[in-house]
Amino acid sequence: MRGAHLRLNSQARLEFILGSVADAVTIDTLFGNFRIDTIYHAAAYKHVPIVEQNPLEGHAQQRARHLVSRACGSAGTGRPLHSDLHGQGRAPHVMGATKRMAELVVQALAEAHSGPVFSMVRFGNVLGSSGSVVPLFRSQIENGGPISLTHPEVTRYFMTIKEAVHLVIQEGGMARGGEVFVLDMGEPVKIKDLAAKMIHLSGLSVRDASNPQGDIAIEVVGLRPGEKLYEELLISGEATGTKHPRICQVREDGADGSLLDAELRALENAIRAKSGDFDVRLVLARWVRGYTGAAGGIAAGAAPDGQPLTLH
């Protein structure tokens, strides 16, 4: 970052602030000390099984977006943009459900504040990023295999870092307030085909029943907790085009901001009382369409987005 700054010979001054976006004092201090025009909030977990086993930490990421968005609303920040490095759509797992919960919070704040222009953007996997299968497969190939595949039908969307950054910046300029944007990720890729292609690009061959003398085997290890076969970027809304051919806009159902805020405050009290794991799943099951909380022992049949729940 500093090198790029020097090459551009910019007169802008860089300030590096070390802190957690999940800490209210840090966020309040930051907004108090600086006049902030634009925010790109891209803090998001991408490891589904780990977050599934640690729902409180998954909730902390959602809480961070709540804190940042609330501070934007109070300060009147121009264009807070909430980017997501993993499409949430219908979310059967904690990680995706907390991201959808964060969207509900941002949508509610967008309706409550006329100053800041809130927007959200969903897209799939970024090639080479932390948590991506590409560096994992590359490492497994270098070690002689096998490549571990959770399921032969697992399918995902992929985009390069350069593509993602370009489109996210373009989307931020289009926002008028409260929109959910979805980036065109192209055609979905079957992970099994990706693994085979990486093996061939390494100058090696796939070892399977038809080629028992091959170099690298692809081993199916089973779906991990919370993992799903297909990635969905839409929930209930229909995507419409924008002036950019690779950016779509979708209007998803929102939630009552006052009910949602009261729910989250009750959840914070439950967490402080050390009973948070179950309560996080319970709240997600009631507010996020597609999440049932089955892994946490919650009965299936979650209500649609926006249905309130009172914790006792």
C-alpha atoms as a PDB file:
ATOM      1  CA  MET A   1       0.000   0.000   0.000  1.00  0.00           C
ATOM      2  CA  ARG A   2       2.749   2.457   0.960  1.00  0.00           C
ATOM      3  CA  GLY A   3       4.703   1.612  -2.229  1.00  0.00           C
ATOM      4  CA  ALA A   4       1.684   2.309  -4.417  1.00  0.00           C
ATOM      5  CA  HIS A   5       1.145   5.586  -2.573  1.00  0.00           C
ATOM      6  CA  LEU A   6       4.719   6.693  -3.323  1.00  0.00           C
ATOM      7  CA  ARG A   7       4.508   5.689  -7.000  1.00  0.00           C
ATOM      8  CA  LEU A   8       1.375   7.750  -7.468  1.00  0.00           C
ATOM      9  CA  ASN A   9       3.122  10.743  -5.847  1.00  0.00           C
ATOM     10  CA  SER A  10      -0.129  11.506  -4.078  1.00  0.00           C
ATOM     11  CA  GLN A  11      -0.424  14.330  -1.569  1.00  0.00           C
ATOM     12  CA  ALA A  12      -2.855  12.244   0.468  1.00  0.00           C
ATOM     13  CA  ARG A  13      -1.697  11.202   3.928  1.00  0.00           C
ATOM     14  CA  LEU A  14      -1.995   7.568   4.949  1.00  0.00           C
ATOM     15  CA  GLU A  15      -3.083   6.726   8.476  1.00  0.00           C
ATOM     16  CA  PHE A  16      -2.821   3.148   9.783  1.00  0.00           C
ATOM     17  CA  ILE A  17      -5.171   2.299  12.636  1.00  0.00           C
ATOM     18  CA  LEU A  18      -4.828  -1.080  14.325  1.00  0.00           C
ATOM     19  CA  GLY A  19      -7.967  -2.299  16.057  1.00  0.00           C
ATOM     20  CA  SER A  20     -10.987  -4.548  15.907  1.00  0.00           C
ATOM     21  CA  VAL A  21     -14.117  -3.557  14.001  1.00  0.00           C
ATOM     22  CA  ALA A  22     -16.046  -5.585  16.575  1.00  0.00           C
ATOM     23  CA  ASP A  23     -14.986  -3.215  19.370  1.00  0.00           C
ATOM     24  CA  ALA A  24     -17.450  -0.371  19.919  1.00  0.00           C
ATOM     25  CA  VAL A  25     -14.905   1.933  21.601  1.00  0.00           C
ATOM     26  CA  THR A  26     -12.474   1.566  18.693  1.00  0.00           C
ATOM     27  CA  ILE A  27     -15.170   2.335  16.131  1.00  0.00           C
ATOM     28  CA  ASP A  28     -16.505   5.341  18.043  1.00  0.00           C
ATOM     29  CA  THR A  29     -12.970   6.723  18.468  1.00  0.00           C
ATOM     30  CA  LEU A  30     -12.215   6.248  14.782  1.00  0.00           C
ATOM     31  CA  PHE A  31     -15.338   8.091  13.676  1.00  0.00           C
ATOM     32  CA  GLY A  32     -14.716  10.775  16.275  1.00  0.00           C
ATOM     33  CA  ASN A  33     -11.147  11.461  15.107  1.00  0.00           C
ATOM     34  CA  PHE A  34     -11.652  11.360  11.336  1.00  0.00           C
ATOM     35  CA  ARG A  35     -14.127  12.676   8.809  1.00  0.00           C
ATOM     36  CA  ILE A  36     -14.812   9.527   6.810  1.00  0.00           C
ATOM     37  CA  ASP A  37     -16.390   9.758   3.368  1.00  0.00           C
ATOM     38  CA  THR A  38     -16.354   6.160   2.146  1.00  0.00           C
ATOM     39  CA  ILE A  39     -16.083   2.825   3.930  1.00  0.00           C
ATOM     40  CA  TYR A  40     -15.437  -0.574   2.393  1.00  0.00           C
ATOM     41  CA  HIS A  41     -16.304  -3.125   5.035  1.00  0.00           C
ATOM     42  CA  ALA A  42     -15.070  -6.508   3.842  1.00  0.00           C
ATOM     43  CA  ALA A  43     -14.516  -8.320   7.142  1.00  0.00           C
ATOM     44  CA  ALA A  44     -15.970 -11.775   6.651  1.00  0.00           C
ATOM     45  CA  TYR A  45     -15.134 -15.326   7.598  1.00  0.00           C
ATOM     46  CA  LYS A  46     -14.883 -17.904   4.816  1.00  0.00           C
ATOM     47  CA  HIS A  47     -14.349 -21.180   6.653  1.00  0.00           C
ATOM     48  CA  VAL A  48     -17.806 -22.737   6.964  1.00  0.00           C
ATOM     49  CA  PRO A  49     -17.023 -25.708   9.280  1.00  0.00           C
ATOM     50  CA  ILE A  50     -15.010 -23.632  11.765  1.00  0.00           C
ATOM     51  CA  VAL A  51     -17.717 -20.974  12.085  1.00  0.00           C
ATOM     52  CA  GLU A  52     -20.345 -23.722  12.360  1.00  0.00           C
ATOM     53  CA  GLN A  53     -18.558 -24.928  15.494  1.00  0.00           C
ATOM     54  CA  ASN A  54     -18.048 -21.393  16.824  1.00  0.00           C
ATOM     55  CA  PRO A  55     -21.349 -19.526  16.327  1.00  0.00           C
ATOM     56  CA  LEU A  56     -20.468 -16.831  18.871  1.00  0.00           C
ATOM     57  CA  GLU A  57     -17.472 -15.761  16.810  1.00  0.00           C
ATOM     58  CA  GLY A  58     -19.611 -15.879  13.687  1.00  0.00           C
ATOM     59  CA  HIS A  59     -22.020 -13.528  15.440  1.00  0.00           C
ATOM     60  CA  ALA A  60     -19.082 -11.240  16.297  1.00  0.00           C
ATOM     61  CA  GLN A  61     -18.555 -10.631  12.562  1.00  0.00           C
ATOM     62  CA  GLN A  62     -22.214  -9.708  12.188  1.00  0.00           C
ATOM     63  CA  ARG A  63     -21.939  -7.474  15.256  1.00  0.00           C
ATOM     64  CA  ALA A  64     -18.940  -5.708  13.703  1.00  0.00           C
ATOM     65  CA  ARG A  65     -21.018  -4.726  10.688  1.00  0.00           C
ATOM     66  CA  HIS A  66     -23.755  -3.552  12.999  1.00  0.00           C
ATOM     67  CA  LEU A  67     -21.309  -1.317  14.906  1.00  0.00           C
ATOM     68  CA  VAL A  68     -19.758   0.138  11.750  1.00  0.00           C
ATOM     69  CA  SER A  69     -23.123   0.730  10.079  1.00  0.00           C
ATOM     70  CA  ARG A  70     -24.576   2.356  13.181  1.00  0.00           C
ATOM     71  CA  ALA A  71     -21.543   4.642  13.435  1.00  0.00           C
ATOM     72  CA  CYS A  72     -21.968   5.582   9.765  1.00  0.00           C
ATOM     73  CA  GLY A  73     -25.580   6.490  10.412  1.00  0.00           C
ATOM     74  CA  SER A  74     -24.727   8.637  13.433  1.00  0.00           C
ATOM     75  CA  ALA A  75     -21.823  10.397  11.709  1.00  0.00           C
ATOM     76  CA  GLY A  76     -23.587  10.832   8.381  1.00  0.00           C
ATOM     77  CA  THR A  77     -20.762   9.095   6.490  1.00  0.00           C
ATOM     78  CA  GLY A  78     -21.233   9.426   2.738  1.00  0.00           C
ATOM     79  CA  ARG A  79     -21.065   5.957   1.194  1.00  0.00           C
ATOM     80  CA  PRO A  80     -20.596   2.980   3.503  1.00  0.00           C
ATOM     81  CA  LEU A  81     -20.272  -0.123   1.347  1.00  0.00           C
ATOM     82  CA  HIS A  82     -20.543  -3.620   2.792  1.00  0.00           C
ATOM     83  CA  SER A  83     -18.774  -6.172   0.636  1.00  0.00           C
ATOM     84  CA  ASP A  84     -19.057  -9.873   1.133  1.00  0.00           C
ATOM     85  CA  LEU A  85     -16.446 -12.366  -0.018  1.00  0.00           C
ATOM     86  CA  HIS A  86     -18.884 -15.252   0.101  1.00  0.00           C
ATOM     87  CA  GLY A  87     -22.366 -15.331  -1.375  1.00  0.00           C
ATOM     88  CA  GLN A  88     -24.896 -15.853   1.367  1.00  0.00           C
ATOM     89  CA  GLY A  89     -28.236 -16.290  -0.451  1.00  0.00           C
ATOM     90  CA  ARG A  90     -30.106 -19.068   1.328  1.00  0.00           C
ATOM     91  CA  ALA A  91     -27.793 -19.947   4.168  1.00  0.00           C
ATOM     92  CA  PRO A  92     -28.068 -23.341   5.864  1.00  0.00           C
ATOM     93  CA  HIS A  93     -24.927 -22.656   7.898  1.00  0.00           C
ATOM     94  CA  VAL A  94     -24.004 -20.183  10.652  1.00  0.00           C
ATOM     95  CA  MET A  95     -21.468 -18.304   8.553  1.00  0.00           C
ATOM     96  CA  GLY A  96     -23.883 -17.435   5.759  1.00  0.00           C
ATOM     97  CA  ALA A  97     -26.773 -16.783   8.151  1.00  0.00           C
ATOM     98  CA  THR A  98     -24.793 -14.238  10.168  1.00  0.00           C
ATOM     99  CA  LYS A  99     -23.918 -12.451   6.935  1.00  0.00           C
ATOM    100  CA  ARG A 100     -27.585 -12.304   5.952  1.00  0.00           C
ATOM    101  CA  MET A 101     -28.375 -11.052   9.451  1.00  0.00           C
ATOM    102  CA  ALA A 102     -25.836  -8.286   8.915  1.00  0.00           C
ATOM    103  CA  GLU A 103     -27.576  -7.383   5.653  1.00  0.00           C
ATOM    104  CA  LEU A 104     -30.891  -7.070   7.487  1.00  0.00           C
ATOM    105  CA  VAL A 105     -29.229  -4.685   9.940  1.00  0.00           C
ATOM    106  CA  VAL A 106     -27.746  -2.551   7.154  1.00  0.00           C
ATOM    107  CA  GLN A 107     -31.061  -2.497   5.266  1.00  0.00           C
ATOM    108  CA  ALA A 108     -32.866  -1.326   8.401  1.00  0.00           C
ATOM    109  CA  LEU A 109     -30.290   1.409   9.025  1.00  0.00           C
ATOM    110  CA  ALA A 110     -30.552   2.531   5.394  1.00  0.00           C
ATOM    111  CA  GLU A 111     -34.267   3.156   5.920  1.00  0.00           C
ATOM    112  CA  ALA A 112     -33.681   4.955   9.226  1.00  0.00           C
ATOM    113  CA  HIS A 113     -30.977   7.361   7.946  1.00  0.00           C
ATOM    114  CA  SER A 114     -31.364   9.637   4.944  1.00  0.00           C
ATOM    115  CA  GLY A 115     -27.752  10.878   4.947  1.00  0.00           C
ATOM    116  CA  PRO A 116     -25.453   7.897   4.382  1.00  0.00           C
ATOM    117  CA  VAL A 117     -25.854   5.836   1.215  1.00  0.00           C
ATOM    118  CA  PHE A 118     -25.711   2.237   2.444  1.00  0.00           C
ATOM    119  CA  SER A 119     -25.267  -0.576  -0.029  1.00  0.00           C
ATOM    120  CA  MET A 120     -24.329  -4.256   0.047  1.00  0.00           C
ATOM    121  CA  VAL A 121     -22.730  -6.485  -2.544  1.00  0.00           C
ATOM    122  CA  ARG A 122     -22.646 -10.275  -2.825  1.00  0.00           C
ATOM    123  CA  PHE A 123     -20.229 -12.335  -4.817  1.00  0.00           C
ATOM    124  CA  GLY A 124     -18.685 -15.764  -4.701  1.00  0.00           C
ATOM    125  CA  ASN A 125     -15.162 -17.059  -4.227  1.00  0.00           C
ATOM    126  CA  VAL A 126     -12.096 -14.981  -5.023  1.00  0.00           C
ATOM    127  CA  LEU A 127      -9.348 -17.034  -6.637  1.00  0.00           C
ATOM    128  CA  GLY A 128      -6.235 -17.360  -4.483  1.00  0.00           C
ATOM    129  CA  SER A 129      -7.770 -15.738  -1.402  1.00  0.00           C
ATOM    130  CA  SER A 130      -7.510 -17.176   2.080  1.00  0.00           C
ATOM    131  CA  GLY A 131      -9.875 -20.121   2.347  1.00  0.00           C
ATOM    132  CA  SER A 132      -9.987 -20.689  -1.416  1.00  0.00           C
ATOM    133  CA  VAL A 133      -9.580 -24.241  -2.686  1.00  0.00           C
ATOM    134  CA  VAL A 134      -6.988 -23.134  -5.248  1.00  0.00           C
ATOM    135  CA  PRO A 135      -4.008 -22.716  -2.864  1.00  0.00           C
ATOM    136  CA  LEU A 136      -5.148 -25.837  -0.985  1.00  0.00           C
ATOM    137  CA  PHE A 137      -5.239 -27.938  -4.170  1.00  0.00           C
ATOM    138  CA  ARG A 138      -1.906 -26.494  -5.301  1.00  0.00           C
ATOM    139  CA  SER A 139      -0.299 -27.502  -2.014  1.00  0.00           C
ATOM    140  CA  GLN A 140      -1.799 -30.997  -2.186  1.00  0.00           C
ATOM    141  CA  ILE A 141      -0.519 -31.464  -5.752  1.00  0.00           C
ATOM    142  CA  GLU A 142       2.985 -30.308  -4.755  1.00  0.00           C
ATOM    143  CA  ASN A 143       2.930 -32.892  -1.950  1.00  0.00           C
ATOM    144  CA  GLY A 144       1.977 -35.705  -4.304  1.00  0.00           C
ATOM    145  CA  GLY A 145      -1.734 -35.773  -3.469  1.00  0.00           C
ATOM    146  CA  PRO A 146      -4.353 -36.840  -2.956  1.00  0.00           C
ATOM    147  CA  ILE A 147      -6.573 -33.845  -3.585  1.00  0.00           C
ATOM    148  CA  SER A 148      -9.379 -33.827  -1.018  1.00  0.00           C
ATOM    149  CA  LEU A 149     -12.833 -33.182  -2.502  1.00  0.00           C
ATOM    150  CA  THR A 150     -15.829 -32.927  -0.196  1.00  0.00           C
ATOM    151  CA  HIS A 151     -18.371 -34.091  -2.802  1.00  0.00           C
ATOM    152  CA  PRO A 152     -18.183 -34.822  -6.555  1.00  0.00           C
ATOM    153  CA  GLU A 153     -21.120 -32.475  -7.253  1.00  0.00           C
ATOM    154  CA  VAL A 154     -19.909 -29.438  -5.281  1.00  0.00           C
ATOM    155  CA  THR A 155     -20.163 -26.351  -7.492  1.00  0.00           C
ATOM    156  CA  ARG A 156     -18.927 -22.808  -6.863  1.00  0.00           C
ATOM    157  CA  TYR A 157     -18.553 -19.418  -8.552  1.00  0.00           C
ATOM    158  CA  PHE A 158     -15.094 -17.888  -8.940  1.00  0.00           C
ATOM    159  CA  MET A 159     -13.696 -14.443  -9.691  1.00  0.00           C
ATOM    160  CA  THR A 160     -10.202 -12.951  -9.746  1.00  0.00           C
ATOM    161  CA  ILE A 161      -9.162 -10.382  -7.148  1.00  0.00           C
ATOM    162  CA  LYS A 162      -8.784  -7.719  -9.855  1.00  0.00           C
ATOM    163  CA  GLU A 163     -12.282  -8.386 -11.202  1.00  0.00           C
ATOM    164  CA  ALA A 164     -13.840  -8.289  -7.736  1.00  0.00           C
ATOM    165  CA  VAL A 165     -12.172  -5.000  -6.741  1.00  0.00           C
ATOM    166  CA  HIS A 166     -13.112  -3.309 -10.016  1.00  0.00           C
ATOM    167  CA  LEU A 167     -16.770  -4.315  -9.799  1.00  0.00           C
ATOM    168  CA  VAL A 168     -17.121  -3.497  -6.088  1.00  0.00           C
ATOM    169  CA  ILE A 169     -15.838   0.042  -6.696  1.00  0.00           C
ATOM    170  CA  GLN A 170     -18.191   0.444  -9.681  1.00  0.00           C
ATOM    171  CA  GLU A 171     -21.115  -0.784  -7.590  1.00  0.00           C
ATOM    172  CA  GLY A 172     -20.388   1.715  -4.840  1.00  0.00           C
ATOM    173  CA  GLY A 173     -20.855   4.577  -7.276  1.00  0.00           C
ATOM    174  CA  MET A 174     -24.260   3.272  -8.390  1.00  0.00           C
ATOM    175  CA  ALA A 175     -25.794   2.966  -4.934  1.00  0.00           C
ATOM    176  CA  ARG A 176     -28.656   5.222  -3.916  1.00  0.00           C
ATOM    177  CA  GLY A 177     -29.348   3.628  -0.538  1.00  0.00           C
ATOM    178  CA  GLY A 178     -30.262   0.193   0.802  1.00  0.00           C
ATOM    179  CA  GLU A 179     -29.620  -1.821  -2.360  1.00  0.00           C
ATOM    180  CA  VAL A 180     -28.258  -5.330  -2.474  1.00  0.00           C
ATOM    181  CA  PHE A 181     -26.061  -5.813  -5.528  1.00  0.00           C
ATOM    182  CA  VAL A 182     -24.935  -9.139  -6.974  1.00  0.00           C
ATOM    183  CA  LEU A 183     -21.882  -9.457  -9.198  1.00  0.00           C
ATOM    184  CA  ASP A 184     -22.022 -11.571 -12.343  1.00  0.00           C
ATOM    185  CA  MET A 185     -19.660 -14.423 -11.514  1.00  0.00           C
ATOM    186  CA  GLY A 186     -19.997 -16.124 -14.894  1.00  0.00           C
ATOM    187  CA  GLU A 187     -20.718 -19.836 -15.094  1.00  0.00           C
ATOM    188  CA  PRO A 188     -20.422 -21.954 -11.926  1.00  0.00           C
ATOM    189  CA  VAL A 189     -17.478 -24.335 -11.792  1.00  0.00           C
ATOM    190  CA  LYS A 190     -17.640 -27.945 -10.597  1.00  0.00           C
ATOM    191  CA  ILE A 191     -14.843 -28.279  -8.039  1.00  0.00           C
ATOM    192  CA  LYS A 192     -13.999 -31.779  -9.257  1.00  0.00           C
ATOM    193  CA  ASP A 193     -13.333 -30.356 -12.743  1.00  0.00           C
ATOM    194  CA  LEU A 194     -11.226 -27.566 -11.224  1.00  0.00           C
ATOM    195  CA  ALA A 195      -9.105 -30.133  -9.365  1.00  0.00           C
ATOM    196  CA  ALA A 196      -8.572 -32.191 -12.511  1.00  0.00           C
ATOM    197  CA  LYS A 197      -7.635 -29.089 -14.503  1.00  0.00           C
ATOM    198  CA  MET A 198      -5.082 -28.005 -11.894  1.00  0.00           C
ATOM    199  CA  ILE A 199      -3.532 -31.473 -11.967  1.00  0.00           C
ATOM    200  CA  HIS A 200      -3.224 -31.352 -15.766  1.00  0.00           C
ATOM    201  CA  LEU A 201      -1.821 -27.794 -15.713  1.00  0.00           C
ATOM    202  CA  SER A 202       0.876 -29.077 -13.370  1.00  0.00           C
ATOM    203  CA  GLY A 203       1.952 -31.535 -16.061  1.00  0.00           C
ATOM    204  CA  LEU A 204       0.502 -34.496 -14.189  1.00  0.00           C
ATOM    205  CA  SER A 205      -2.429 -36.875 -14.660  1.00  0.00           C
ATOM    206  CA  VAL A 206      -5.415 -37.852 -12.536  1.00  0.00           C
ATOM    207  CA  ARG A 207      -5.201 -41.280 -10.920  1.00  0.00           C
ATOM    208  CA  ASP A 208      -8.596 -42.997 -10.971  1.00  0.00           C
ATOM    209  CA  ALA A 209     -10.233 -46.289 -11.997  1.00  0.00           C
ATOM    210  CA  SER A 210      -9.707 -45.552 -15.699  1.00  0.00           C
ATOM    211  CA  ASN A 211      -6.092 -44.502 -15.138  1.00  0.00           C
ATOM    212  CA  PRO A 212      -4.683 -46.415 -12.130  1.00  0.00           C
ATOM    213  CA  GLN A 213      -1.125 -45.390 -13.037  1.00  0.00           C
ATOM    214  CA  GLY A 214      -1.919 -41.682 -12.843  1.00  0.00           C
ATOM    215  CA  ASP A 215      -0.026 -39.231 -10.640  1.00  0.00           C
ATOM    216  CA  ILE A 216      -2.593 -37.552  -8.357  1.00  0.00           C
ATOM    217  CA  ALA A 217      -5.763 -39.077  -6.956  1.00  0.00           C
ATOM    218  CA  ILE A 218      -8.916 -37.086  -6.149  1.00  0.00           C
ATOM    219  CA  GLU A 219     -10.331 -38.385  -2.870  1.00  0.00           C
ATOM    220  CA  VAL A 220     -13.944 -37.683  -1.845  1.00  0.00           C
ATOM    221  CA  VAL A 221     -13.975 -37.012   1.904  1.00  0.00           C
ATOM    222  CA  GLY A 222     -17.622 -35.988   2.464  1.00  0.00           C
ATOM    223  CA  LEU A 223     -19.363 -32.679   3.025  1.00  0.00           C
ATOM    224  CA  ARG A 224     -18.240 -30.743   6.090  1.00  0.00           C
ATOM    225  CA  PRO A 225     -20.648 -29.392   8.748  1.00  0.00           C
ATOM    226  CA  GLY A 226     -22.834 -26.662   7.248  1.00  0.00           C
ATOM    227  CA  GLU A 227     -21.449 -27.061   3.731  1.00  0.00           C
ATOM    228  CA  LYS A 228     -23.820 -27.123   0.764  1.00  0.00           C
ATOM    229  CA  LEU A 229     -23.445 -28.415  -2.782  1.00  0.00           C
ATOM    230  CA  TYR A 230     -24.470 -25.295  -4.664  1.00  0.00           C
ATOM    231  CA  GLU A 231     -23.913 -21.609  -4.080  1.00  0.00           C
ATOM    232  CA  GLU A 232     -26.895 -19.248  -4.136  1.00  0.00           C
ATOM    233  CA  LEU A 233     -26.572 -15.483  -4.365  1.00  0.00           C
ATOM    234  CA  LEU A 234     -30.310 -14.708  -4.340  1.00  0.00           C
ATOM    235  CA  ILE A 235     -32.943 -15.371  -1.675  1.00  0.00           C
ATOM    236  CA  SER A 236     -36.415 -14.233  -2.693  1.00  0.00           C
ATOM    237  CA  GLY A 237     -35.868 -11.182  -4.853  1.00  0.00           C
ATOM    238  CA  GLU A 238     -35.405 -11.047  -8.623  1.00  0.00           C
ATOM    239  CA  ALA A 239     -32.202  -9.605 -10.036  1.00  0.00           C
ATOM    240  CA  THR A 240     -32.464  -6.669 -12.443  1.00  0.00           C
ATOM    241  CA  GLY A 241     -29.783  -5.174 -14.613  1.00  0.00           C
ATOM    242  CA  THR A 242     -27.860  -1.953 -13.983  1.00  0.00           C
ATOM    243  CA  LYS A 243     -25.824   0.287 -16.264  1.00  0.00           C
ATOM    244  CA  HIS A 244     -22.899  -2.091 -15.743  1.00  0.00           C
ATOM    245  CA  PRO A 245     -23.337  -5.413 -17.606  1.00  0.00           C
ATOM    246  CA  ARG A 246     -21.752  -7.448 -14.791  1.00  0.00           C
ATOM    247  CA  ILE A 247     -23.604  -5.893 -11.863  1.00  0.00           C
ATOM    248  CA  CYS A 248     -27.193  -6.759 -10.969  1.00  0.00           C
ATOM    249  CA  GLN A 249     -29.443  -5.304  -8.303  1.00  0.00           C
ATOM    250  CA  VAL A 250     -31.909  -7.224  -6.163  1.00  0.00           C
ATOM    251  CA  ARG A 251     -34.462  -6.018  -3.642  1.00  0.00           C
ATOM    252  CA  GLU A 252     -34.667  -8.522  -0.798  1.00  0.00           C
ATOM    253  CA  ASP A 253     -37.262  -8.485   1.975  1.00  0.00           C
ATOM    254  CA  GLY A 254     -36.101  -6.382   4.904  1.00  0.00           C
ATOM    255  CA  ALA A 255     -36.901  -6.459   8.610  1.00  0.00           C
ATOM    256  CA  ASP A 256     -38.406  -4.120  11.199  1.00  0.00           C
ATOM    257  CA  GLY A 257     -35.406  -2.159  12.470  1.00  0.00           C
ATOM    258  CA  SER A 258     -36.698  -1.610  16.007  1.00  0.00           C
ATOM    259  CA  LEU A 259     -37.580  -5.291  16.481  1.00  0.00           C
ATOM    260  CA  LEU A 260     -34.241  -6.346  15.051  1.00  0.00           C
ATOM    261  CA  ASP A 261     -32.315  -3.944  17.288  1.00  0.00           C
ATOM    262  CA  ALA A 262     -34.171  -5.187  20.379  1.00  0.00           C
ATOM    263  CA  GLU A 263     -33.441  -8.771  19.381  1.00  0.00           C
ATOM    264  CA  LEU A 264     -29.737  -8.123  18.998  1.00  0.00           C
ATOM    265  CA  ARG A 265     -29.578  -6.356  22.361  1.00  0.00           C
ATOM    266  CA  ALA A 266     -31.262  -9.345  23.988  1.00  0.00           C
ATOM    267  CA  LEU A 267     -28.769 -11.609  22.263  1.00  0.00           C
ATOM    268  CA  GLU A 268     -25.865  -9.582  23.648  1.00  0.00           C
ATOM    269  CA  ASN A 269     -27.292 -10.053  27.152  1.00  0.00           C
ATOM    270  CA  ALA A 270     -27.546 -13.800  26.555  1.00  0.00           C
ATOM    271  CA  ILE A 271     -23.936 -13.909  25.397  1.00  0.00           C
ATOM    272  CA  ARG A 272     -22.756 -12.061  28.492  1.00  0.00           C
ATOM    273  CA  ALA A 273     -24.685 -14.613  30.545  1.00  0.00           C
ATOM    274  CA  LYS A 274     -22.581 -17.354  28.885  1.00  0.00           C
ATOM    275  CA  SER A 275     -25.552 -18.953  27.153  1.00  0.00           C
ATOM    276  CA  GLY A 276     -24.811 -17.576  23.725  1.00  0.00           C
ATOM    277  CA  ASP A 277     -24.106 -20.535  21.408  1.00  0.00           C
ATOM    278  CA  PHE A 278     -27.665 -21.843  21.378  1.00  0.00           C
ATOM    279  CA  ASP A 279     -29.163 -18.345  21.393  1.00  0.00           C
ATOM    280  CA  VAL A 280     -27.158 -17.273  18.340  1.00  0.00           C
ATOM    281  CA  ARG A 281     -28.503 -20.252  16.399  1.00  0.00           C
ATOM    282  CA  LEU A 282     -32.011 -19.627  17.700  1.00  0.00           C
ATOM    283  CA  VAL A 283     -32.001 -16.006  16.546  1.00  0.00           C
ATOM    284  CA  LEU A 284     -30.588 -16.911  13.147  1.00  0.00           C
ATOM    285  CA  ALA A 285     -33.223 -19.624  12.689  1.00  0.00           C
ATOM    286  CA  ARG A 286     -36.013 -17.119  13.286  1.00  0.00           C
ATOM    287  CA  TRP A 287     -34.692 -14.251  11.188  1.00  0.00           C
ATOM    288  CA  VAL A 288     -32.806 -15.785   8.285  1.00  0.00           C
ATOM    289  CA  ARG A 289     -34.621 -17.702   5.581  1.00  0.00           C
ATOM    290  CA  GLY A 290     -32.994 -21.042   4.818  1.00  0.00           C
ATOM    291  CA  TYR A 291     -31.272 -21.460   8.193  1.00  0.00           C
ATOM    292  CA  THR A 292     -32.844 -24.024  10.522  1.00  0.00           C
ATOM    293  CA  GLY A 293     -30.112 -24.343  13.138  1.00  0.00           C
ATOM    294  CA  ALA A 294     -30.273 -28.125  12.941  1.00  0.00           C
ATOM    295  CA  ALA A 295     -26.608 -28.437  13.939  1.00  0.00           C
ATOM    296  CA  GLY A 296     -27.423 -26.705  17.184  1.00  0.00           C
ATOM    297  CA  GLY A 297     -30.436 -28.846  18.016  1.00  0.00           C
ATOM    298  CA  ILE A 298     -33.071 -26.352  16.827  1.00  0.00           C
ATOM    299  CA  ALA A 299     -36.165 -27.739  15.161  1.00  0.00           C
ATOM    300  CA  ALA A 300     -36.481 -27.285  11.410  1.00  0.00           C
ATOM    301  CA  GLY A 301     -39.020 -24.925   9.885  1.00  0.00           C
ATOM    302  CA  ALA A 302     -37.430 -21.505  10.246  1.00  0.00           C
ATOM    303  CA  ALA A 303     -39.630 -18.502   9.660  1.00  0.00           C
ATOM    304  CA  PRO A 304     -38.999 -16.084   6.746  1.00  0.00           C
ATOM    305  CA  ASP A 305     -36.693 -13.095   7.067  1.00  0.00           C
ATOM    306  CA  GLY A 306     -38.025 -10.448   9.361  1.00  0.00           C
ATOM    307  CA  GLN A 307     -40.020 -12.606  11.779  1.00  0.00           C
ATOM    308  CA  PRO A 308     -39.313 -11.441  15.345  1.00  0.00           C
ATOM    309  CA  LEU A 309     -38.301 -13.570  18.298  1.00  0.00           C
ATOM    310  CA  THR A 310     -38.178 -12.620  21.958  1.00  0.00           C
ATOM    311  CA  LEU A 311     -35.513 -14.216  24.128  1.00  0.00           C
ATOM    312  CA  HIS A 312     -36.552 -15.113  27.655  1.00  0.00           C
END
